[in-house]
Amino acid sequence: RKAAEAVRAFNHATQRTRDRRPGIAYPGTVYRAI
């Protein structure tokens, strides 16, 4: 349940912003998330 909540929080934190800025700004973050 905690893992599922952590994924939900990740999804929320990485959504595009209203001004269309990506939720993940740098490829290093992509690498670490994967």
PDB file of all heavy atoms in Angstrom:
ATOM      1  N   ARG A   1       0.845  -1.213   0.000  1.00  0.00           N
ATOM      2  CA  ARG A   1       0.000   0.000   0.000  1.00  0.00           C
ATOM      3  C   ARG A   1       0.869   1.247   0.000  1.00  0.00           C
ATOM      4  O   ARG A   1       0.577   2.226  -0.699  1.00  0.00           O
ATOM      5  CB  ARG A   1      -0.949  -0.009   1.199  1.00  0.00           C
ATOM      6  CG  ARG A   1      -2.132  -0.939   1.039  1.00  0.00           C
ATOM      7  CD  ARG A   1      -3.242  -0.684   2.061  1.00  0.00           C
ATOM      8  NE  ARG A   1      -2.766  -0.576   3.429  1.00  0.00           N
ATOM      9  CZ  ARG A   1      -2.772  -1.568   4.316  1.00  0.00           C
ATOM     10  NH1 ARG A   1      -3.214  -2.761   3.990  1.00  0.00           N
ATOM     11  NH2 ARG A   1      -2.335  -1.364   5.540  1.00  0.00           N
ATOM     12  N   LYS A   2       1.954   1.236   0.791  1.00  0.00           N
ATOM     13  CA  LYS A   2       2.877   2.377   0.812  1.00  0.00           C
ATOM     14  C   LYS A   2       3.571   2.539  -0.544  1.00  0.00           C
ATOM     15  O   LYS A   2       3.778   3.662  -1.010  1.00  0.00           O
ATOM     16  CB  LYS A   2       3.917   2.212   1.918  1.00  0.00           C
ATOM     17  CG  LYS A   2       3.368   2.434   3.305  1.00  0.00           C
ATOM     18  CD  LYS A   2       4.454   2.231   4.346  1.00  0.00           C
ATOM     19  CE  LYS A   2       3.904   2.351   5.748  1.00  0.00           C
ATOM     20  NZ  LYS A   2       4.949   2.079   6.769  1.00  0.00           N
ATOM     21  N   ALA A   3       3.936   1.417  -1.169  1.00  0.00           N
ATOM     22  CA  ALA A   3       4.561   1.483  -2.490  1.00  0.00           C
ATOM     23  C   ALA A   3       3.596   2.077  -3.511  1.00  0.00           C
ATOM     24  O   ALA A   3       3.986   2.910  -4.336  1.00  0.00           O
ATOM     25  CB  ALA A   3       5.027   0.092  -2.937  1.00  0.00           C
ATOM     26  N   ALA A   4       2.335   1.653  -3.448  1.00  0.00           N
ATOM     27  CA  ALA A   4       1.329   2.201  -4.366  1.00  0.00           C
ATOM     28  C   ALA A   4       1.153   3.695  -4.139  1.00  0.00           C
ATOM     29  O   ALA A   4       1.036   4.473  -5.094  1.00  0.00           O
ATOM     30  CB  ALA A   4       0.002   1.465  -4.186  1.00  0.00           C
ATOM     31  N   GLU A   5       1.154   4.108  -2.882  1.00  0.00           N
ATOM     32  CA  GLU A   5       1.013   5.538  -2.565  1.00  0.00           C
ATOM     33  C   GLU A   5       2.243   6.309  -3.061  1.00  0.00           C
ATOM     34  O   GLU A   5       2.118   7.429  -3.563  1.00  0.00           O
ATOM     35  CB  GLU A   5       0.818   5.745  -1.066  1.00  0.00           C
ATOM     36  CG  GLU A   5       0.695   7.188  -0.648  1.00  0.00           C
ATOM     37  CD  GLU A   5      -0.418   7.966  -1.344  1.00  0.00           C
ATOM     38  OE1 GLU A   5      -1.420   7.367  -1.786  1.00  0.00           O
ATOM     39  OE2 GLU A   5      -0.291   9.212  -1.453  1.00  0.00           O
ATOM     40  N   ALA A   6       3.414   5.706  -2.958  1.00  0.00           N
ATOM     41  CA  ALA A   6       4.628   6.362  -3.443  1.00  0.00           C
ATOM     42  C   ALA A   6       4.576   6.548  -4.957  1.00  0.00           C
ATOM     43  O   ALA A   6       4.984   7.596  -5.474  1.00  0.00           O
ATOM     44  CB  ALA A   6       5.863   5.549  -3.041  1.00  0.00           C
ATOM     45  N   VAL A   7       4.056   5.567  -5.677  1.00  0.00           N
ATOM     46  CA  VAL A   7       3.914   5.699  -7.136  1.00  0.00           C
ATOM     47  C   VAL A   7       2.904   6.796  -7.459  1.00  0.00           C
ATOM     48  O   VAL A   7       3.124   7.608  -8.367  1.00  0.00           O
ATOM     49  CB  VAL A   7       3.530   4.352  -7.795  1.00  0.00           C
ATOM     50  CG1 VAL A   7       3.187   4.538  -9.262  1.00  0.00           C
ATOM     51  CG2 VAL A   7       4.646   3.338  -7.621  1.00  0.00           C
ATOM     52  N   ARG A   8       1.804   6.850  -6.707  1.00  0.00           N
ATOM     53  CA  ARG A   8       0.822   7.917  -6.917  1.00  0.00           C
ATOM     54  C   ARG A   8       1.477   9.282  -6.695  1.00  0.00           C
ATOM     55  O   ARG A   8       1.288  10.217  -7.486  1.00  0.00           O
ATOM     56  CB  ARG A   8      -0.382   7.752  -5.968  1.00  0.00           C
ATOM     57  CG  ARG A   8      -1.501   8.759  -6.288  1.00  0.00           C
ATOM     58  CD  ARG A   8      -2.328   9.116  -5.060  1.00  0.00           C
ATOM     59  NE  ARG A   8      -1.568   9.738  -3.999  1.00  0.00           N
ATOM     60  CZ  ARG A   8      -1.182  11.018  -3.959  1.00  0.00           C
ATOM     61  NH1 ARG A   8      -1.443  11.838  -4.954  1.00  0.00           N
ATOM     62  NH2 ARG A   8      -0.511  11.488  -2.938  1.00  0.00           N
ATOM     63  N   ALA A   9       2.289   9.405  -5.644  1.00  0.00           N
ATOM     64  CA  ALA A   9       2.963  10.676  -5.360  1.00  0.00           C
ATOM     65  C   ALA A   9       3.952  11.026  -6.475  1.00  0.00           C
ATOM     66  O   ALA A   9       4.059  12.189  -6.877  1.00  0.00           O
ATOM     67  CB  ALA A   9       3.675  10.596  -4.008  1.00  0.00           C
ATOM     68  N   PHE A  10       4.659  10.018  -6.989  1.00  0.00           N
ATOM     69  CA  PHE A  10       5.564  10.238  -8.120  1.00  0.00           C
ATOM     70  C   PHE A  10       4.784  10.750  -9.326  1.00  0.00           C
ATOM     71  O   PHE A  10       5.195  11.710  -9.980  1.00  0.00           O
ATOM     72  CB  PHE A  10       6.312   8.942  -8.474  1.00  0.00           C
ATOM     73  CG  PHE A  10       7.140   9.070  -9.720  1.00  0.00           C
ATOM     74  CD1 PHE A  10       8.431   9.564  -9.647  1.00  0.00           C
ATOM     75  CD2 PHE A  10       6.632   8.716 -10.962  1.00  0.00           C
ATOM     76  CE1 PHE A  10       9.202   9.710 -10.800  1.00  0.00           C
ATOM     77  CE2 PHE A  10       7.385   8.856 -12.109  1.00  0.00           C
ATOM     78  CZ  PHE A  10       8.680   9.355 -12.026  1.00  0.00           C
ATOM     79  N   ASN A  11       3.665  10.090  -9.628  1.00  0.00           N
ATOM     80  CA  ASN A  11       2.842  10.511 -10.773  1.00  0.00           C
ATOM     81  C   ASN A  11       2.389  11.956 -10.610  1.00  0.00           C
ATOM     82  O   ASN A  11       2.424  12.742 -11.565  1.00  0.00           O
ATOM     83  CB  ASN A  11       1.631   9.590 -10.932  1.00  0.00           C
ATOM     84  CG  ASN A  11       2.010   8.197 -11.371  1.00  0.00           C
ATOM     85  OD1 ASN A  11       3.109   7.959 -11.845  1.00  0.00           O
ATOM     86  ND2 ASN A  11       1.103   7.259 -11.190  1.00  0.00           N
ATOM     87  N   HIS A  12       1.988  12.306  -9.416  1.00  0.00           N
ATOM     88  CA  HIS A  12       1.541  13.682  -9.153  1.00  0.00           C
ATOM     89  C   HIS A  12       2.706  14.665  -9.308  1.00  0.00           C
ATOM     90  O   HIS A  12       2.560  15.722  -9.924  1.00  0.00           O
ATOM     91  CB  HIS A  12       0.943  13.773  -7.753  1.00  0.00           C
ATOM     92  CG  HIS A  12       0.490  15.142  -7.388  1.00  0.00           C
ATOM     93  ND1 HIS A  12      -0.677  15.682  -7.884  1.00  0.00           N
ATOM     94  CD2 HIS A  12       1.050  16.086  -6.604  1.00  0.00           C
ATOM     95  CE1 HIS A  12      -0.821  16.920  -7.409  1.00  0.00           C
ATOM     96  NE2 HIS A  12       0.211  17.175  -6.635  1.00  0.00           N
ATOM     97  N   ALA A  13       3.857  14.311  -8.762  1.00  0.00           N
ATOM     98  CA  ALA A  13       5.016  15.215  -8.783  1.00  0.00           C
ATOM     99  C   ALA A  13       5.592  15.404 -10.182  1.00  0.00           C
ATOM    100  O   ALA A  13       6.248  16.413 -10.442  1.00  0.00           O
ATOM    101  CB  ALA A  13       6.106  14.683  -7.852  1.00  0.00           C
ATOM    102  N   THR A  14       5.332  14.464 -11.078  1.00  0.00           N
ATOM    103  CA  THR A  14       5.956  14.540 -12.405  1.00  0.00           C
ATOM    104  C   THR A  14       4.980  14.927 -13.511  1.00  0.00           C
ATOM    105  O   THR A  14       5.339  14.863 -14.692  1.00  0.00           O
ATOM    106  CB  THR A  14       6.637  13.195 -12.752  1.00  0.00           C
ATOM    107  OG1 THR A  14       5.666  12.155 -12.708  1.00  0.00           O
ATOM    108  CG2 THR A  14       7.776  12.900 -11.793  1.00  0.00           C
ATOM    109  N   GLN A  15       3.786  15.356 -13.154  1.00  0.00           N
ATOM    110  CA  GLN A  15       2.841  15.822 -14.175  1.00  0.00           C
ATOM    111  C   GLN A  15       3.352  17.121 -14.787  1.00  0.00           C
ATOM    112  O   GLN A  15       4.001  17.928 -14.121  1.00  0.00           O
ATOM    113  CB  GLN A  15       1.465  16.082 -13.559  1.00  0.00           C
ATOM    114  CG  GLN A  15       0.716  14.845 -13.210  1.00  0.00           C
ATOM    115  CD  GLN A  15      -0.627  15.165 -12.585  1.00  0.00           C
ATOM    116  OE1 GLN A  15      -0.806  16.211 -11.981  1.00  0.00           O
ATOM    117  NE2 GLN A  15      -1.573  14.257 -12.740  1.00  0.00           N
ATOM    118  N   ARG A  16       3.012  17.313 -16.056  1.00  0.00           N
ATOM    119  CA  ARG A  16       3.321  18.598 -16.690  1.00  0.00           C
ATOM    120  C   ARG A  16       2.588  19.704 -15.945  1.00  0.00           C
ATOM    121  O   ARG A  16       1.474  19.508 -15.480  1.00  0.00           O
ATOM    122  CB  ARG A  16       2.846  18.617 -18.140  1.00  0.00           C
ATOM    123  CG  ARG A  16       3.708  17.875 -19.088  1.00  0.00           C
ATOM    124  CD  ARG A  16       3.134  18.046 -20.492  1.00  0.00           C
ATOM    125  NE  ARG A  16       3.991  17.430 -21.453  1.00  0.00           N
ATOM    126  CZ  ARG A  16       4.866  18.101 -22.185  1.00  0.00           C
ATOM    127  NH1 ARG A  16       4.957  19.403 -22.064  1.00  0.00           N
ATOM    128  NH2 ARG A  16       5.628  17.473 -23.039  1.00  0.00           N
ATOM    129  N   THR A  17       3.221  20.856 -15.889  1.00  0.00           N
ATOM    130  CA  THR A  17       2.576  21.994 -15.253  1.00  0.00           C
ATOM    131  C   THR A  17       1.562  22.611 -16.213  1.00  0.00           C
ATOM    132  O   THR A  17       1.536  22.279 -17.400  1.00  0.00           O
ATOM    133  CB  THR A  17       3.621  23.060 -14.850  1.00  0.00           C
ATOM    134  OG1 THR A  17       4.261  23.535 -16.036  1.00  0.00           O
ATOM    135  CG2 THR A  17       4.640  22.489 -13.877  1.00  0.00           C
ATOM    136  N   ARG A  18       0.766  23.510 -15.719  1.00  0.00           N
ATOM    137  CA  ARG A  18      -0.249  24.157 -16.565  1.00  0.00           C
ATOM    138  C   ARG A  18       0.365  24.949 -17.699  1.00  0.00           C
ATOM    139  O   ARG A  18      -0.236  25.110 -18.747  1.00  0.00           O
ATOM    140  CB  ARG A  18      -1.139  25.055 -15.721  1.00  0.00           C
ATOM    141  CG  ARG A  18      -2.030  24.239 -14.844  1.00  0.00           C
ATOM    142  CD  ARG A  18      -2.998  25.073 -14.089  1.00  0.00           C
ATOM    143  NE  ARG A  18      -3.738  24.161 -13.234  1.00  0.00           N
ATOM    144  CZ  ARG A  18      -4.630  24.514 -12.382  1.00  0.00           C
ATOM    145  NH1 ARG A  18      -4.920  25.782 -12.223  1.00  0.00           N
ATOM    146  NH2 ARG A  18      -5.252  23.630 -11.650  1.00  0.00           N
ATOM    147  N   ASP A  19       1.578  25.438 -17.478  1.00  0.00           N
ATOM    148  CA  ASP A  19       2.251  26.180 -18.552  1.00  0.00           C
ATOM    149  C   ASP A  19       3.069  25.242 -19.452  1.00  0.00           C
ATOM    150  O   ASP A  19       3.953  25.669 -20.165  1.00  0.00           O
ATOM    151  CB  ASP A  19       3.120  27.305 -17.984  1.00  0.00           C
ATOM    152  CG  ASP A  19       4.231  26.809 -17.077  1.00  0.00           C
ATOM    153  OD1 ASP A  19       4.288  25.596 -16.799  1.00  0.00           O
ATOM    154  OD2 ASP A  19       5.036  27.644 -16.636  1.00  0.00           O
ATOM    155  N   ARG A  20       2.737  23.932 -19.393  1.00  0.00           N
ATOM    156  CA  ARG A  20       3.291  22.885 -20.257  1.00  0.00           C
ATOM    157  C   ARG A  20       4.759  22.584 -19.971  1.00  0.00           C
ATOM    158  O   ARG A  20       5.436  21.974 -20.785  1.00  0.00           O
ATOM    159  CB  ARG A  20       3.109  23.217 -21.744  1.00  0.00           C
ATOM    160  CG  ARG A  20       1.689  23.491 -22.173  1.00  0.00           C
ATOM    161  CD  ARG A  20       0.781  22.303 -22.139  1.00  0.00           C
ATOM    162  NE  ARG A  20       1.205  21.271 -23.071  1.00  0.00           N
ATOM    163  CZ  ARG A  20       0.882  19.997 -22.956  1.00  0.00           C
ATOM    164  NH1 ARG A  20       0.123  19.596 -21.978  1.00  0.00           N
ATOM    165  NH2 ARG A  20       1.312  19.113 -23.824  1.00  0.00           N
ATOM    166  N   ARG A  21       5.262  22.992 -18.816  1.00  0.00           N
ATOM    167  CA  ARG A  21       6.628  22.623 -18.451  1.00  0.00           C
ATOM    168  C   ARG A  21       6.619  21.174 -17.993  1.00  0.00           C
ATOM    169  O   ARG A  21       5.708  20.738 -17.294  1.00  0.00           O
ATOM    170  CB  ARG A  21       7.145  23.536 -17.346  1.00  0.00           C
ATOM    171  CG  ARG A  21       7.363  24.957 -17.846  1.00  0.00           C
ATOM    172  CD  ARG A  21       7.760  25.905 -16.778  1.00  0.00           C
ATOM    173  NE  ARG A  21       8.805  25.358 -15.919  1.00  0.00           N
ATOM    174  CZ  ARG A  21       9.257  25.970 -14.850  1.00  0.00           C
ATOM    175  NH1 ARG A  21       8.780  27.143 -14.498  1.00  0.00           N
ATOM    176  NH2 ARG A  21      10.193  25.428 -14.110  1.00  0.00           N
ATOM    177  N   PRO A  22       7.630  20.412 -18.380  1.00  0.00           N
ATOM    178  CA  PRO A  22       7.649  18.996 -17.991  1.00  0.00           C
ATOM    179  C   PRO A  22       7.803  18.837 -16.486  1.00  0.00           C
ATOM    180  O   PRO A  22       8.417  19.663 -15.809  1.00  0.00           O
ATOM    181  CB  PRO A  22       8.873  18.440 -18.727  1.00  0.00           C
ATOM    182  CG  PRO A  22       9.741  19.613 -18.986  1.00  0.00           C
ATOM    183  CD  PRO A  22       8.816  20.796 -19.126  1.00  0.00           C
ATOM    184  N   GLY A  23       7.227  17.767 -15.975  1.00  0.00           N
ATOM    185  CA  GLY A  23       7.340  17.475 -14.553  1.00  0.00           C
ATOM    186  C   GLY A  23       8.715  16.959 -14.175  1.00  0.00           C
ATOM    187  O   GLY A  23       9.096  16.976 -13.012  1.00  0.00           O
ATOM    188  N   ILE A  24       9.448  16.484 -15.153  1.00  0.00           N
ATOM    189  CA  ILE A  24      10.837  16.066 -14.960  1.00  0.00           C
ATOM    190  C   ILE A  24      11.666  16.912 -15.914  1.00  0.00           C
ATOM    191  O   ILE A  24      11.486  16.858 -17.125  1.00  0.00           O
ATOM    192  CB  ILE A  24      11.037  14.572 -15.261  1.00  0.00           C
ATOM    193  CG1 ILE A  24      10.217  13.723 -14.285  1.00  0.00           C
ATOM    194  CG2 ILE A  24      12.506  14.203 -15.190  1.00  0.00           C
ATOM    195  CD1 ILE A  24      10.268  12.233 -14.561  1.00  0.00           C
ATOM    196  N   ALA A  25      12.568  17.694 -15.361  1.00  0.00           N
ATOM    197  CA  ALA A  25      13.296  18.658 -16.177  1.00  0.00           C
ATOM    198  C   ALA A  25      14.613  18.142 -16.737  1.00  0.00           C
ATOM    199  O   ALA A  25      15.126  18.698 -17.705  1.00  0.00           O
ATOM    200  CB  ALA A  25      13.558  19.927 -15.357  1.00  0.00           C
ATOM    201  N   TYR A  26      15.176  17.076 -16.148  1.00  0.00           N
ATOM    202  CA  TYR A  26      16.528  16.673 -16.524  1.00  0.00           C
ATOM    203  C   TYR A  26      16.622  15.167 -16.758  1.00  0.00           C
ATOM    204  O   TYR A  26      15.967  14.378 -16.079  1.00  0.00           O
ATOM    205  CB  TYR A  26      17.528  17.109 -15.451  1.00  0.00           C
ATOM    206  CG  TYR A  26      17.475  18.600 -15.228  1.00  0.00           C
ATOM    207  CD1 TYR A  26      16.852  19.123 -14.099  1.00  0.00           C
ATOM    208  CD2 TYR A  26      17.996  19.473 -16.173  1.00  0.00           C
ATOM    209  CE1 TYR A  26      16.769  20.494 -13.912  1.00  0.00           C
ATOM    210  CE2 TYR A  26      17.917  20.846 -15.993  1.00  0.00           C
ATOM    211  CZ  TYR A  26      17.302  21.350 -14.858  1.00  0.00           C
ATOM    212  OH  TYR A  26      17.213  22.709 -14.685  1.00  0.00           O
ATOM    213  N   PRO A  27      17.459  14.753 -17.708  1.00  0.00           N
ATOM    214  CA  PRO A  27      17.580  13.322 -18.014  1.00  0.00           C
ATOM    215  C   PRO A  27      18.155  12.505 -16.853  1.00  0.00           C
ATOM    216  O   PRO A  27      17.873  11.313 -16.751  1.00  0.00           O
ATOM    217  CB  PRO A  27      18.495  13.278 -19.238  1.00  0.00           C
ATOM    218  CG  PRO A  27      19.168  14.589 -19.280  1.00  0.00           C
ATOM    219  CD  PRO A  27      18.281  15.577 -18.607  1.00  0.00           C
ATOM    220  N   GLY A  28      18.912  13.116 -15.991  1.00  0.00           N
ATOM    221  CA  GLY A  28      19.425  12.382 -14.829  1.00  0.00           C
ATOM    222  C   GLY A  28      18.295  11.906 -13.933  1.00  0.00           C
ATOM    223  O   GLY A  28      18.367  10.819 -13.347  1.00  0.00           O
ATOM    224  N   THR A  29      17.245  12.703 -13.846  1.00  0.00           N
ATOM    225  CA  THR A  29      16.087  12.312 -13.052  1.00  0.00           C
ATOM    226  C   THR A  29      15.342  11.169 -13.729  1.00  0.00           C
ATOM    227  O   THR A  29      14.865  10.245 -13.071  1.00  0.00           O
ATOM    228  CB  THR A  29      15.152  13.517 -12.840  1.00  0.00           C
ATOM    229  OG1 THR A  29      15.911  14.578 -12.266  1.00  0.00           O
ATOM    230  CG2 THR A  29      14.001  13.166 -11.923  1.00  0.00           C
ATOM    231  N   VAL A  30      15.265  11.220 -15.057  1.00  0.00           N
ATOM    232  CA  VAL A  30      14.654  10.122 -15.812  1.00  0.00           C
ATOM    233  C   VAL A  30      15.420   8.830 -15.521  1.00  0.00           C
ATOM    234  O   VAL A  30      14.826   7.791 -15.208  1.00  0.00           O
ATOM    235  CB  VAL A  30      14.654  10.434 -17.333  1.00  0.00           C
ATOM    236  CG1 VAL A  30      14.285   9.207 -18.140  1.00  0.00           C
ATOM    237  CG2 VAL A  30      13.727  11.601 -17.633  1.00  0.00           C
ATOM    238  N   TYR A  31      16.731   8.891 -15.595  1.00  0.00           N
ATOM    239  CA  TYR A  31      17.586   7.726 -15.346  1.00  0.00           C
ATOM    240  C   TYR A  31      17.352   7.163 -13.936  1.00  0.00           C
ATOM    241  O   TYR A  31      17.173   5.949 -13.762  1.00  0.00           O
ATOM    242  CB  TYR A  31      19.046   8.138 -15.540  1.00  0.00           C
ATOM    243  CG  TYR A  31      20.044   7.054 -15.227  1.00  0.00           C
ATOM    244  CD1 TYR A  31      20.289   6.031 -16.140  1.00  0.00           C
ATOM    245  CD2 TYR A  31      20.743   7.052 -14.028  1.00  0.00           C
ATOM    246  CE1 TYR A  31      21.216   5.030 -15.862  1.00  0.00           C
ATOM    247  CE2 TYR A  31      21.666   6.065 -13.744  1.00  0.00           C
ATOM    248  CZ  TYR A  31      21.895   5.049 -14.661  1.00  0.00           C
ATOM    249  OH  TYR A  31      22.796   4.067 -14.379  1.00  0.00           O
ATOM    250  N   ARG A  32      17.352   8.032 -12.939  1.00  0.00           N
ATOM    251  CA  ARG A  32      17.164   7.573 -11.557  1.00  0.00           C
ATOM    252  C   ARG A  32      15.769   7.012 -11.330  1.00  0.00           C
ATOM    253  O   ARG A  32      15.597   6.011 -10.621  1.00  0.00           O
ATOM    254  CB  ARG A  32      17.461   8.706 -10.577  1.00  0.00           C
ATOM    255  CG  ARG A  32      18.927   9.098 -10.529  1.00  0.00           C
ATOM    256  CD  ARG A  32      19.264  10.045  -9.384  1.00  0.00           C
ATOM    257  NE  ARG A  32      18.363  11.174  -9.263  1.00  0.00           N
ATOM    258  CZ  ARG A  32      18.473  12.323  -9.933  1.00  0.00           C
ATOM    259  NH1 ARG A  32      19.454  12.491 -10.807  1.00  0.00           N
ATOM    260  NH2 ARG A  32      17.612  13.305  -9.741  1.00  0.00           N
ATOM    261  N   ALA A  33      14.761   7.627 -11.949  1.00  0.00           N
ATOM    262  CA  ALA A  33      13.380   7.135 -11.794  1.00  0.00           C
ATOM    263  C   ALA A  33      13.232   5.751 -12.420  1.00  0.00           C
ATOM    264  O   ALA A  33      12.647   4.845 -11.809  1.00  0.00           O
ATOM    265  CB  ALA A  33      12.391   8.121 -12.415  1.00  0.00           C
ATOM    266  N   ILE A  34      13.772   5.592 -13.615  1.00  0.00           N
ATOM    267  CA  ILE A  34      13.706   4.274 -14.266  1.00  0.00           C
ATOM    268  C   ILE A  34      14.424   3.238 -13.407  1.00  0.00           C
ATOM    269  O   ILE A  34      13.928   2.123 -13.222  1.00  0.00           O
ATOM    270  CB  ILE A  34      14.299   4.330 -15.686  1.00  0.00           C
ATOM    271  CG1 ILE A  34      13.424   5.190 -16.593  1.00  0.00           C
ATOM    272  CG2 ILE A  34      14.455   2.924 -16.261  1.00  0.00           C
ATOM    273  CD1 ILE A  34      14.069   5.510 -17.937  1.00  0.00           C
TER     274      ILE A  34
END
